[in-house]
C-alpha atoms as a PDB file:
ATOM      1  CA  MET A   1     -40.104  69.632  63.126  1.00  0.00           C
ATOM      2  CA  THR A   2     -39.488  71.327  59.984  1.00  0.00           C
ATOM      3  CA  LEU A   3     -41.838  70.976  56.443  1.00  0.00           C
ATOM      4  CA  PHE A   4     -38.630  70.305  54.718  1.00  0.00           C
ATOM      5  CA  GLN A   5     -38.052  67.000  57.368  1.00  0.00           C
ATOM      6  CA  GLN A   6     -42.133  66.504  57.326  1.00  0.00           C
ATOM      7  CA  ILE A   7     -42.591  65.885  53.531  1.00  0.00           C
ATOM      8  CA  LEU A   8     -38.802  64.026  53.587  1.00  0.00           C
ATOM      9  CA  ILE A   9     -39.956  61.395  55.982  1.00  0.00           C
ATOM     10  CA  ALA A  10     -43.766  60.786  54.470  1.00  0.00           C
ATOM     11  CA  LEU A  11     -42.254  60.248  50.742  1.00  0.00           C
ATOM     12  CA  VAL A  12     -39.720  57.463  52.176  1.00  0.00           C
ATOM     13  CA  GLN A  13     -42.668  56.378  54.425  1.00  0.00           C
ATOM     14  CA  GLY A  14     -45.152  56.696  51.545  1.00  0.00           C
ATOM     15  CA  ILE A  15     -42.736  54.946  48.831  1.00  0.00           C
ATOM     16  CA  THR A  16     -41.251  52.127  50.865  1.00  0.00           C
ATOM     17  CA  GLU A  17     -44.607  51.161  52.744  1.00  0.00           C
ATOM     18  CA  PHE A  18     -45.903  49.294  50.117  1.00  0.00           C
ATOM     19  CA  LEU A  19     -42.515  48.275  48.583  1.00  0.00           C
ATOM     20  CA  PRO A  20     -40.883  45.285  49.798  1.00  0.00           C
ATOM     21  CA  ILE A  21     -38.128  46.920  51.382  1.00  0.00           C
ATOM     22  CA  SER A  22     -38.549  48.271  54.695  1.00  0.00           C
ATOM     23  CA  SER A  23     -40.264  51.785  55.288  1.00  0.00           C
ATOM     24  CA  SER A  24     -39.086  51.280  59.164  1.00  0.00           C
ATOM     25  CA  GLY A  25     -35.255  50.568  58.015  1.00  0.00           C
ATOM     26  CA  HIS A  26     -35.591  53.932  56.068  1.00  0.00           C
ATOM     27  CA  LEU A  27     -36.934  56.159  58.228  1.00  0.00           C
ATOM     28  CA  ILE A  28     -34.378  55.139  60.935  1.00  0.00           C
ATOM     29  CA  LEU A  29     -31.305  56.038  58.155  1.00  0.00           C
ATOM     30  CA  ILE A  30     -32.637  59.383  57.937  1.00  0.00           C
ATOM     31  CA  PRO A  31     -31.166  60.847  60.619  1.00  0.00           C
ATOM     32  CA  HIS A  32     -27.844  58.574  60.000  1.00  0.00           C
ATOM     33  CA  LEU A  33     -27.761  59.689  56.158  1.00  0.00           C
ATOM     34  CA  THR A  34     -28.847  63.485  57.121  1.00  0.00           C
ATOM     35  CA  ASP A  35     -27.911  66.474  59.572  1.00  0.00           C
ATOM     36  CA  LEU A  36     -31.938  65.558  60.782  1.00  0.00           C
ATOM     37  CA  PRO A  37     -32.904  64.502  64.460  1.00  0.00           C
ATOM     38  CA  ASP A  38     -34.203  61.202  64.715  1.00  0.00           C
ATOM     39  CA  GLN A  39     -37.832  61.690  64.299  1.00  0.00           C
ATOM     40  CA  GLY A  40     -38.731  59.452  66.664  1.00  0.00           C
ATOM     41  CA  PRO A  41     -41.828  56.088  67.315  1.00  0.00           C
ATOM     42  CA  LEU A  42     -44.577  59.082  67.723  1.00  0.00           C
ATOM     43  CA  ILE A  43     -44.213  59.942  64.028  1.00  0.00           C
ATOM     44  CA  ASP A  44     -42.971  56.217  62.527  1.00  0.00           C
ATOM     45  CA  VAL A  45     -46.399  55.239  64.128  1.00  0.00           C
ATOM     46  CA  ALA A  46     -48.074  58.750  62.204  1.00  0.00           C
ATOM     47  CA  VAL A  47     -46.755  57.671  58.585  1.00  0.00           C
ATOM     48  CA  HIS A  48     -48.210  54.253  59.059  1.00  0.00           C
ATOM     49  CA  ILE A  49     -51.514  55.515  59.757  1.00  0.00           C
ATOM     50  CA  GLY A  50     -51.253  57.479  57.018  1.00  0.00           C
ATOM     51  CA  SER A  51     -50.460  54.084  55.035  1.00  0.00           C
ATOM     52  CA  LEU A  52     -53.412  52.664  56.466  1.00  0.00           C
ATOM     53  CA  LEU A  53     -55.701  55.222  55.627  1.00  0.00           C
ATOM     54  CA  ALA A  54     -54.274  54.727  51.923  1.00  0.00           C
ATOM     55  CA  ILE A  55     -54.658  50.950  52.322  1.00  0.00           C
ATOM     56  CA  ILE A  56     -58.780  51.258  53.071  1.00  0.00           C
ATOM     57  CA  ILE A  57     -59.241  54.205  50.110  1.00  0.00           C
ATOM     58  CA  TYR A  58     -57.404  51.455  47.416  1.00  0.00           C
ATOM     59  CA  PHE A  59     -59.116  48.535  48.703  1.00  0.00           C
ATOM     60  CA  ARG A  60     -62.188  49.887  49.687  1.00  0.00           C
ATOM     61  CA  LYS A  61     -64.307  47.107  48.487  1.00  0.00           C
ATOM     62  CA  ASP A  62     -62.209  44.545  50.201  1.00  0.00           C
ATOM     63  CA  VAL A  63     -62.200  46.471  53.333  1.00  0.00           C
ATOM     64  CA  ALA A  64     -66.126  45.841  52.607  1.00  0.00           C
ATOM     65  CA  GLY A  65     -66.052  42.797  52.286  1.00  0.00           C
ATOM     66  CA  LEU A  66     -64.064  42.089  55.718  1.00  0.00           C
ATOM     67  CA  VAL A  67     -66.851  44.570  57.583  1.00  0.00           C
ATOM     68  CA  ARG A  68     -69.188  42.484  55.933  1.00  0.00           C
ATOM     69  CA  GLY A  69     -67.412  39.511  57.477  1.00  0.00           C
ATOM     70  CA  GLY A  70     -67.161  40.385  60.544  1.00  0.00           C
ATOM     71  CA  PHE A  71     -71.029  41.560  60.776  1.00  0.00           C
ATOM     72  CA  ALA A  72     -71.786  38.196  59.605  1.00  0.00           C
ATOM     73  CA  SER A  73     -70.208  36.781  62.361  1.00  0.00           C
ATOM     74  CA  VAL A  74     -72.183  38.173  65.130  1.00  0.00           C
ATOM     75  CA  GLY A  75     -75.370  37.426  62.945  1.00  0.00           C
ATOM     76  CA  LEU A  76     -75.629  40.657  61.280  1.00  0.00           C
ATOM     77  CA  ALA A  77     -75.576  39.091  58.336  1.00  0.00           C
ATOM     78  CA  ASP A  78     -75.472  36.400  55.947  1.00  0.00           C
ATOM     79  CA  ASP A  79     -71.866  35.798  53.882  1.00  0.00           C
ATOM     80  CA  PRO A  80     -70.100  32.957  54.742  1.00  0.00           C
ATOM     81  CA  VAL A  81     -67.122  33.489  52.428  1.00  0.00           C
ATOM     82  CA  GLN A  82     -66.278  36.773  54.092  1.00  0.00           C
ATOM     83  CA  ARG A  83     -66.835  35.515  57.646  1.00  0.00           C
ATOM     84  CA  ARG A  84     -64.428  32.921  56.854  1.00  0.00           C
ATOM     85  CA  LEU A  85     -62.097  35.327  54.760  1.00  0.00           C
ATOM     86  CA  PHE A  86     -62.577  38.078  57.801  1.00  0.00           C
ATOM     87  CA  TRP A  87     -61.387  35.226  60.409  1.00  0.00           C
ATOM     88  CA  PHE A  88     -58.442  34.215  58.719  1.00  0.00           C
ATOM     89  CA  VAL A  89     -56.924  37.794  58.835  1.00  0.00           C
ATOM     90  CA  VAL A  90     -57.971  38.331  62.159  1.00  0.00           C
ATOM     91  CA  ALA A  91     -55.889  34.803  62.591  1.00  0.00           C
ATOM     92  CA  GLY A  92     -52.718  36.430  60.993  1.00  0.00           C
ATOM     93  CA  THR A  93     -52.831  39.149  62.732  1.00  0.00           C
ATOM     94  CA  ILE A  94     -52.465  37.540  66.131  1.00  0.00           C
ATOM     95  CA  PRO A  95     -48.722  36.866  66.050  1.00  0.00           C
ATOM     96  CA  ALA A  96     -47.845  40.601  65.075  1.00  0.00           C
ATOM     97  CA  VAL A  97     -50.054  42.001  68.193  1.00  0.00           C
ATOM     98  CA  ALA A  98     -48.435  39.301  70.327  1.00  0.00           C
ATOM     99  CA  PHE A  99     -45.063  40.076  69.508  1.00  0.00           C
ATOM    100  CA  GLY A 100     -45.605  44.102  68.959  1.00  0.00           C
ATOM    101  CA  LEU A 101     -46.665  43.864  72.989  1.00  0.00           C
ATOM    102  CA  PHE A 102     -43.784  41.921  74.125  1.00  0.00           C
ATOM    103  CA  LEU A 103     -41.194  44.493  72.260  1.00  0.00           C
ATOM    104  CA  LYS A 104     -43.412  47.367  73.534  1.00  0.00           C
ATOM    105  CA  LEU A 105     -43.798  46.452  77.048  1.00  0.00           C
ATOM    106  CA  GLY A 106     -40.335  44.845  77.595  1.00  0.00           C
ATOM    107  CA  GLY A 107     -38.777  48.040  76.139  1.00  0.00           C
ATOM    108  CA  TYR A 108     -36.773  46.247  73.151  1.00  0.00           C
ATOM    109  CA  MET A 109     -38.162  48.780  69.868  1.00  0.00           C
ATOM    110  CA  GLU A 110     -35.555  51.501  71.056  1.00  0.00           C
ATOM    111  CA  GLY A 111     -32.551  49.123  70.796  1.00  0.00           C
ATOM    112  CA  PHE A 112     -33.333  47.797  67.127  1.00  0.00           C
ATOM    113  CA  ARG A 113     -32.989  50.826  65.644  1.00  0.00           C
ATOM    114  CA  THR A 114     -29.138  50.410  64.312  1.00  0.00           C
ATOM    115  CA  THR A 115     -27.938  50.692  60.974  1.00  0.00           C
ATOM    116  CA  ASP A 116     -25.953  46.975  61.331  1.00  0.00           C
ATOM    117  CA  LEU A 117     -29.324  45.815  62.250  1.00  0.00           C
ATOM    118  CA  VAL A 118     -31.190  47.314  59.087  1.00  0.00           C
ATOM    119  CA  ALA A 119     -28.532  46.593  56.646  1.00  0.00           C
ATOM    120  CA  VAL A 120     -27.933  43.059  57.533  1.00  0.00           C
ATOM    121  CA  ASN A 121     -31.724  41.834  57.212  1.00  0.00           C
ATOM    122  CA  LEU A 122     -32.214  44.547  54.146  1.00  0.00           C
ATOM    123  CA  ILE A 123     -30.031  41.506  52.663  1.00  0.00           C
ATOM    124  CA  VAL A 124     -31.005  38.215  54.441  1.00  0.00           C
ATOM    125  CA  PHE A 125     -34.352  38.579  53.711  1.00  0.00           C
ATOM    126  CA  GLY A 126     -34.228  40.731  50.493  1.00  0.00           C
ATOM    127  CA  LEU A 127     -32.842  37.203  49.336  1.00  0.00           C
ATOM    128  CA  LEU A 128     -35.821  35.154  50.471  1.00  0.00           C
ATOM    129  CA  LEU A 129     -37.726  37.447  48.949  1.00  0.00           C
ATOM    130  CA  GLY A 130     -36.147  36.627  45.453  1.00  0.00           C
ATOM    131  CA  ALA A 131     -36.107  32.899  46.361  1.00  0.00           C
ATOM    132  CA  ALA A 132     -39.488  32.703  46.769  1.00  0.00           C
ATOM    133  CA  ASP A 133     -40.864  34.822  43.745  1.00  0.00           C
ATOM    134  CA  HIS A 134     -38.361  33.054  41.989  1.00  0.00           C
ATOM    135  CA  TRP A 135     -39.600  29.805  42.627  1.00  0.00           C
ATOM    136  CA  GLY A 136     -42.810  30.282  44.385  1.00  0.00           C
ATOM    137  CA  LYS A 137     -45.961  28.981  42.176  1.00  0.00           C
ATOM    138  CA  GLN A 138     -48.748  31.858  41.061  1.00  0.00           C
ATOM    139  CA  THR A 139     -51.910  29.708  41.384  1.00  0.00           C
ATOM    140  CA  LYS A 140     -53.786  30.630  44.383  1.00  0.00           C
ATOM    141  CA  SER A 141     -55.845  33.881  44.920  1.00  0.00           C
ATOM    142  CA  TYR A 142     -56.928  35.884  48.039  1.00  0.00           C
ATOM    143  CA  GLU A 143     -60.130  33.606  47.621  1.00  0.00           C
ATOM    144  CA  ASP A 144     -58.259  30.820  48.497  1.00  0.00           C
ATOM    145  CA  LEU A 145     -57.034  31.853  51.616  1.00  0.00           C
ATOM    146  CA  THR A 146     -56.658  28.735  54.656  1.00  0.00           C
ATOM    147  CA  LEU A 147     -55.885  29.082  57.709  1.00  0.00           C
ATOM    148  CA  ARG A 148     -52.869  27.299  58.025  1.00  0.00           C
ATOM    149  CA  ASP A 149     -51.750  29.972  55.069  1.00  0.00           C
ATOM    150  CA  ALA A 150     -53.075  33.079  57.011  1.00  0.00           C
ATOM    151  CA  ILE A 151     -50.911  31.926  60.185  1.00  0.00           C
ATOM    152  CA  LEU A 152     -47.928  31.026  58.210  1.00  0.00           C
ATOM    153  CA  VAL A 153     -48.089  34.438  56.935  1.00  0.00           C
ATOM    154  CA  GLY A 154     -48.961  36.036  60.209  1.00  0.00           C
ATOM    155  CA  LEU A 155     -46.025  34.786  61.413  1.00  0.00           C
ATOM    156  CA  ALA A 156     -43.847  36.751  58.690  1.00  0.00           C
ATOM    157  CA  GLN A 157     -45.771  39.794  59.235  1.00  0.00           C
ATOM    158  CA  ALA A 158     -44.638  39.657  62.953  1.00  0.00           C
ATOM    159  CA  MET A 159     -40.714  39.231  61.711  1.00  0.00           C
ATOM    160  CA  ALA A 160     -40.972  42.817  60.011  1.00  0.00           C
ATOM    161  CA  LEU A 161     -41.081  44.793  63.419  1.00  0.00           C
ATOM    162  CA  ILE A 162     -37.431  44.151  63.272  1.00  0.00           C
ATOM    163  CA  PRO A 163     -36.382  46.606  60.876  1.00  0.00           C
ATOM    164  CA  GLY A 164     -34.547  46.334  58.010  1.00  0.00           C
ATOM    165  CA  THR A 165     -37.233  43.704  57.447  1.00  0.00           C
ATOM    166  CA  SER A 166     -40.111  44.959  55.101  1.00  0.00           C
ATOM    167  CA  ARG A 167     -43.741  44.510  56.561  1.00  0.00           C
ATOM    168  CA  SER A 168     -44.822  44.169  52.950  1.00  0.00           C
ATOM    169  CA  GLY A 169     -41.735  42.163  51.875  1.00  0.00           C
ATOM    170  CA  SER A 170     -42.379  39.277  54.314  1.00  0.00           C
ATOM    171  CA  THR A 171     -45.493  38.899  54.301  1.00  0.00           C
ATOM    172  CA  MET A 172     -44.897  38.632  50.296  1.00  0.00           C
ATOM    173  CA  THR A 173     -42.334  36.482  50.535  1.00  0.00           C
ATOM    174  CA  ALA A 174     -44.641  33.877  52.950  1.00  0.00           C
ATOM    175  CA  ALA A 175     -47.570  34.131  50.266  1.00  0.00           C
ATOM    176  CA  ARG A 176     -45.367  33.787  47.767  1.00  0.00           C
ATOM    177  CA  ALA A 177     -43.484  30.643  48.933  1.00  0.00           C
ATOM    178  CA  LEU A 178     -46.975  29.337  49.259  1.00  0.00           C
ATOM    179  CA  GLY A 179     -48.192  29.822  46.066  1.00  0.00           C
ATOM    180  CA  TYR A 180     -49.726  32.439  45.628  1.00  0.00           C
ATOM    181  CA  SER A 181     -49.274  35.726  42.532  1.00  0.00           C
ATOM    182  CA  ARG A 182     -47.674  38.253  43.041  1.00  0.00           C
ATOM    183  CA  PHE A 183     -50.698  40.268  42.776  1.00  0.00           C
ATOM    184  CA  GLU A 184     -52.549  38.372  45.486  1.00  0.00           C
ATOM    185  CA  SER A 185     -49.476  38.085  47.362  1.00  0.00           C
ATOM    186  CA  ALA A 186     -49.367  42.057  47.452  1.00  0.00           C
ATOM    187  CA  ARG A 187     -53.482  42.281  48.218  1.00  0.00           C
ATOM    188  CA  PHE A 188     -53.524  39.978  51.188  1.00  0.00           C
ATOM    189  CA  SER A 189     -50.407  42.029  52.467  1.00  0.00           C
ATOM    190  CA  PHE A 190     -52.225  44.945  52.415  1.00  0.00           C
ATOM    191  CA  LEU A 191     -55.692  43.728  54.172  1.00  0.00           C
ATOM    192  CA  LEU A 192     -53.487  41.453  56.708  1.00  0.00           C
ATOM    193  CA  ALA A 193     -52.050  44.940  57.534  1.00  0.00           C
ATOM    194  CA  ILE A 194     -54.952  46.781  58.584  1.00  0.00           C
ATOM    195  CA  PRO A 195     -55.746  45.622  61.848  1.00  0.00           C
ATOM    196  CA  ALA A 196     -52.184  45.435  63.183  1.00  0.00           C
ATOM    197  CA  VAL A 197     -51.127  48.883  61.639  1.00  0.00           C
ATOM    198  CA  THR A 198     -54.344  50.266  63.453  1.00  0.00           C
ATOM    199  CA  GLY A 199     -53.048  48.083  66.785  1.00  0.00           C
ATOM    200  CA  ALA A 200     -49.697  49.854  66.581  1.00  0.00           C
ATOM    201  CA  GLY A 201     -51.668  53.513  66.767  1.00  0.00           C
ATOM    202  CA  LEU A 202     -53.979  52.247  69.669  1.00  0.00           C
ATOM    203  CA  LEU A 203     -51.039  51.676  71.091  1.00  0.00           C
ATOM    204  CA  ALA A 204     -49.361  55.126  70.517  1.00  0.00           C
ATOM    205  CA  ALA A 205     -52.874  57.178  71.340  1.00  0.00           C
ATOM    206  CA  LEU A 206     -51.265  57.302  75.192  1.00  0.00           C
ATOM    207  CA  ASP A 207     -48.092  58.652  74.011  1.00  0.00           C
ATOM    208  CA  LEU A 208     -49.764  61.031  71.471  1.00  0.00           C
ATOM    209  CA  ALA A 209     -52.323  62.368  74.099  1.00  0.00           C
ATOM    210  CA  GLU A 210     -49.316  62.807  76.439  1.00  0.00           C
ATOM    211  CA  ALA A 211     -47.196  64.960  73.516  1.00  0.00           C
ATOM    212  CA  THR A 212     -46.956  68.548  73.289  1.00  0.00           C
ATOM    213  CA  ALA A 213     -49.325  70.486  70.714  1.00  0.00           C
ATOM    214  CA  ALA A 214     -46.464  71.242  68.453  1.00  0.00           C
ATOM    215  CA  MET A 215     -45.649  66.813  68.343  1.00  0.00           C
ATOM    216  CA  GLN A 216     -49.321  66.263  67.900  1.00  0.00           C
ATOM    217  CA  MET A 217     -48.947  68.898  64.709  1.00  0.00           C
ATOM    218  CA  ASP A 218     -45.988  67.485  63.403  1.00  0.00           C
ATOM    219  CA  ALA A 219     -47.369  63.786  63.413  1.00  0.00           C
ATOM    220  CA  LEU A 220     -50.774  64.921  61.670  1.00  0.00           C
ATOM    221  CA  ILE A 221     -48.739  67.412  59.213  1.00  0.00           C
ATOM    222  CA  THR A 222     -46.595  64.398  57.988  1.00  0.00           C
ATOM    223  CA  GLY A 223     -49.213  61.352  58.412  1.00  0.00           C
ATOM    224  CA  ALA A 224     -51.465  63.602  55.886  1.00  0.00           C
ATOM    225  CA  PHE A 225     -48.908  64.003  53.242  1.00  0.00           C
ATOM    226  CA  THR A 226     -47.540  60.522  54.065  1.00  0.00           C
ATOM    227  CA  PHE A 227     -51.572  59.718  52.956  1.00  0.00           C
ATOM    228  CA  VAL A 228     -51.025  61.012  49.374  1.00  0.00           C
ATOM    229  CA  ALA A 229     -47.414  59.395  48.869  1.00  0.00           C
ATOM    230  CA  ALA A 230     -48.363  56.058  50.173  1.00  0.00           C
ATOM    231  CA  LEU A 231     -51.894  56.229  47.815  1.00  0.00           C
ATOM    232  CA  ALA A 232     -49.744  56.817  44.680  1.00  0.00           C
ATOM    233  CA  THR A 233     -46.734  54.381  45.511  1.00  0.00           C
ATOM    234  CA  MET A 234     -50.063  51.925  45.871  1.00  0.00           C
ATOM    235  CA  VAL A 235     -51.799  52.432  42.696  1.00  0.00           C
ATOM    236  CA  PHE A 236     -47.815  51.994  41.037  1.00  0.00           C
ATOM    237  CA  LEU A 237     -47.037  48.462  42.622  1.00  0.00           C
ATOM    238  CA  MET A 238     -50.325  46.934  41.633  1.00  0.00           C
ATOM    239  CA  ASN A 239     -50.159  47.885  38.382  1.00  0.00           C
ATOM    240  CA  PHE A 240     -46.381  47.084  38.355  1.00  0.00           C
ATOM    241  CA  LEU A 241     -47.011  43.123  40.117  1.00  0.00           C
ATOM    242  CA  ARG A 242     -49.486  42.440  37.138  1.00  0.00           C
ATOM    243  CA  LYS A 243     -46.314  42.388  34.957  1.00  0.00           C
ATOM    244  CA  ALA A 244     -43.021  42.069  36.013  1.00  0.00           C
ATOM    245  CA  SER A 245     -41.076  40.142  39.076  1.00  0.00           C
ATOM    246  CA  MET A 246     -39.927  41.614  42.310  1.00  0.00           C
ATOM    247  CA  LEU A 247     -35.928  41.275  41.299  1.00  0.00           C
ATOM    248  CA  VAL A 248     -35.250  44.808  41.439  1.00  0.00           C
ATOM    249  CA  PHE A 249     -36.688  45.171  44.719  1.00  0.00           C
ATOM    250  CA  VAL A 250     -34.640  42.251  45.669  1.00  0.00           C
ATOM    251  CA  VAL A 251     -31.116  43.473  44.498  1.00  0.00           C
ATOM    252  CA  TYR A 252     -32.113  47.161  46.063  1.00  0.00           C
ATOM    253  CA  ARG A 253     -32.342  45.796  49.144  1.00  0.00           C
ATOM    254  CA  VAL A 254     -28.800  43.636  48.830  1.00  0.00           C
ATOM    255  CA  LEU A 255     -27.159  47.087  47.598  1.00  0.00           C
ATOM    256  CA  LEU A 256     -28.258  49.391  49.984  1.00  0.00           C
ATOM    257  CA  GLY A 257     -27.521  46.399  53.258  1.00  0.00           C
ATOM    258  CA  LEU A 258     -24.242  46.477  51.156  1.00  0.00           C
ATOM    259  CA  ALA A 259     -23.389  50.252  51.138  1.00  0.00           C
ATOM    260  CA  LEU A 260     -24.916  50.538  54.536  1.00  0.00           C
ATOM    261  CA  LEU A 261     -22.217  47.772  56.189  1.00  0.00           C
ATOM    262  CA  ALA A 262     -19.612  49.386  54.531  1.00  0.00           C
ATOM    263  CA  MET A 263     -20.542  53.208  55.359  1.00  0.00           C
ATOM    264  CA  PHE A 264     -21.455  52.394  58.854  1.00  0.00           C
END
């Protein structure tokens, strides 16, 4: 893999992972819109891990709180609020883990890497995001999370395993529909991503161990570039959502989906 392809993939992933426009869908489009070969699932996982590190750095206080909640769950700390939030995040992660295992063990993942599917999902889930953002209330924060809400947002996250859906887009859509503010929807969306992306990374560990040294180095470099792009994008998005709606992302998704259907 060339340095140009590594940087291109890192920029695409780092920018689109946190914007609700589908990072996996954009990664699939790279080989279709350029002469570059498909980067393959190993690089896809590496860039997601780079994004995961960006989440941990940006939300370090919330992550520390969840760690305290985990310790409190086994009697090593006394923090009932964080213990409750910790288990709600765990509950919200279960649907994505179960669906991800089903897709991986069944060998269905490669069948999803098509431009038609990406295009349709960009449009459909973009319109759902627009509807939820327009009509959803903005009365709840992350601290108001309930078990019901965590599971519903978790089910939305599971849907994002299908390219073109967008993990951040689907979870923000569900959270906005449940009455969480734009900023708090994004906050919970990214915290919910931590165990889900970690699980995906663990599933790929065997593939990484069996890869050649060159493939491992490609994954490491691309993941590092992704971390930088992802952290910058997260800072932008969280500031943006304090002041503006998600309409620009809805319009982008619909126009891109229509363009892909026309092209392919």
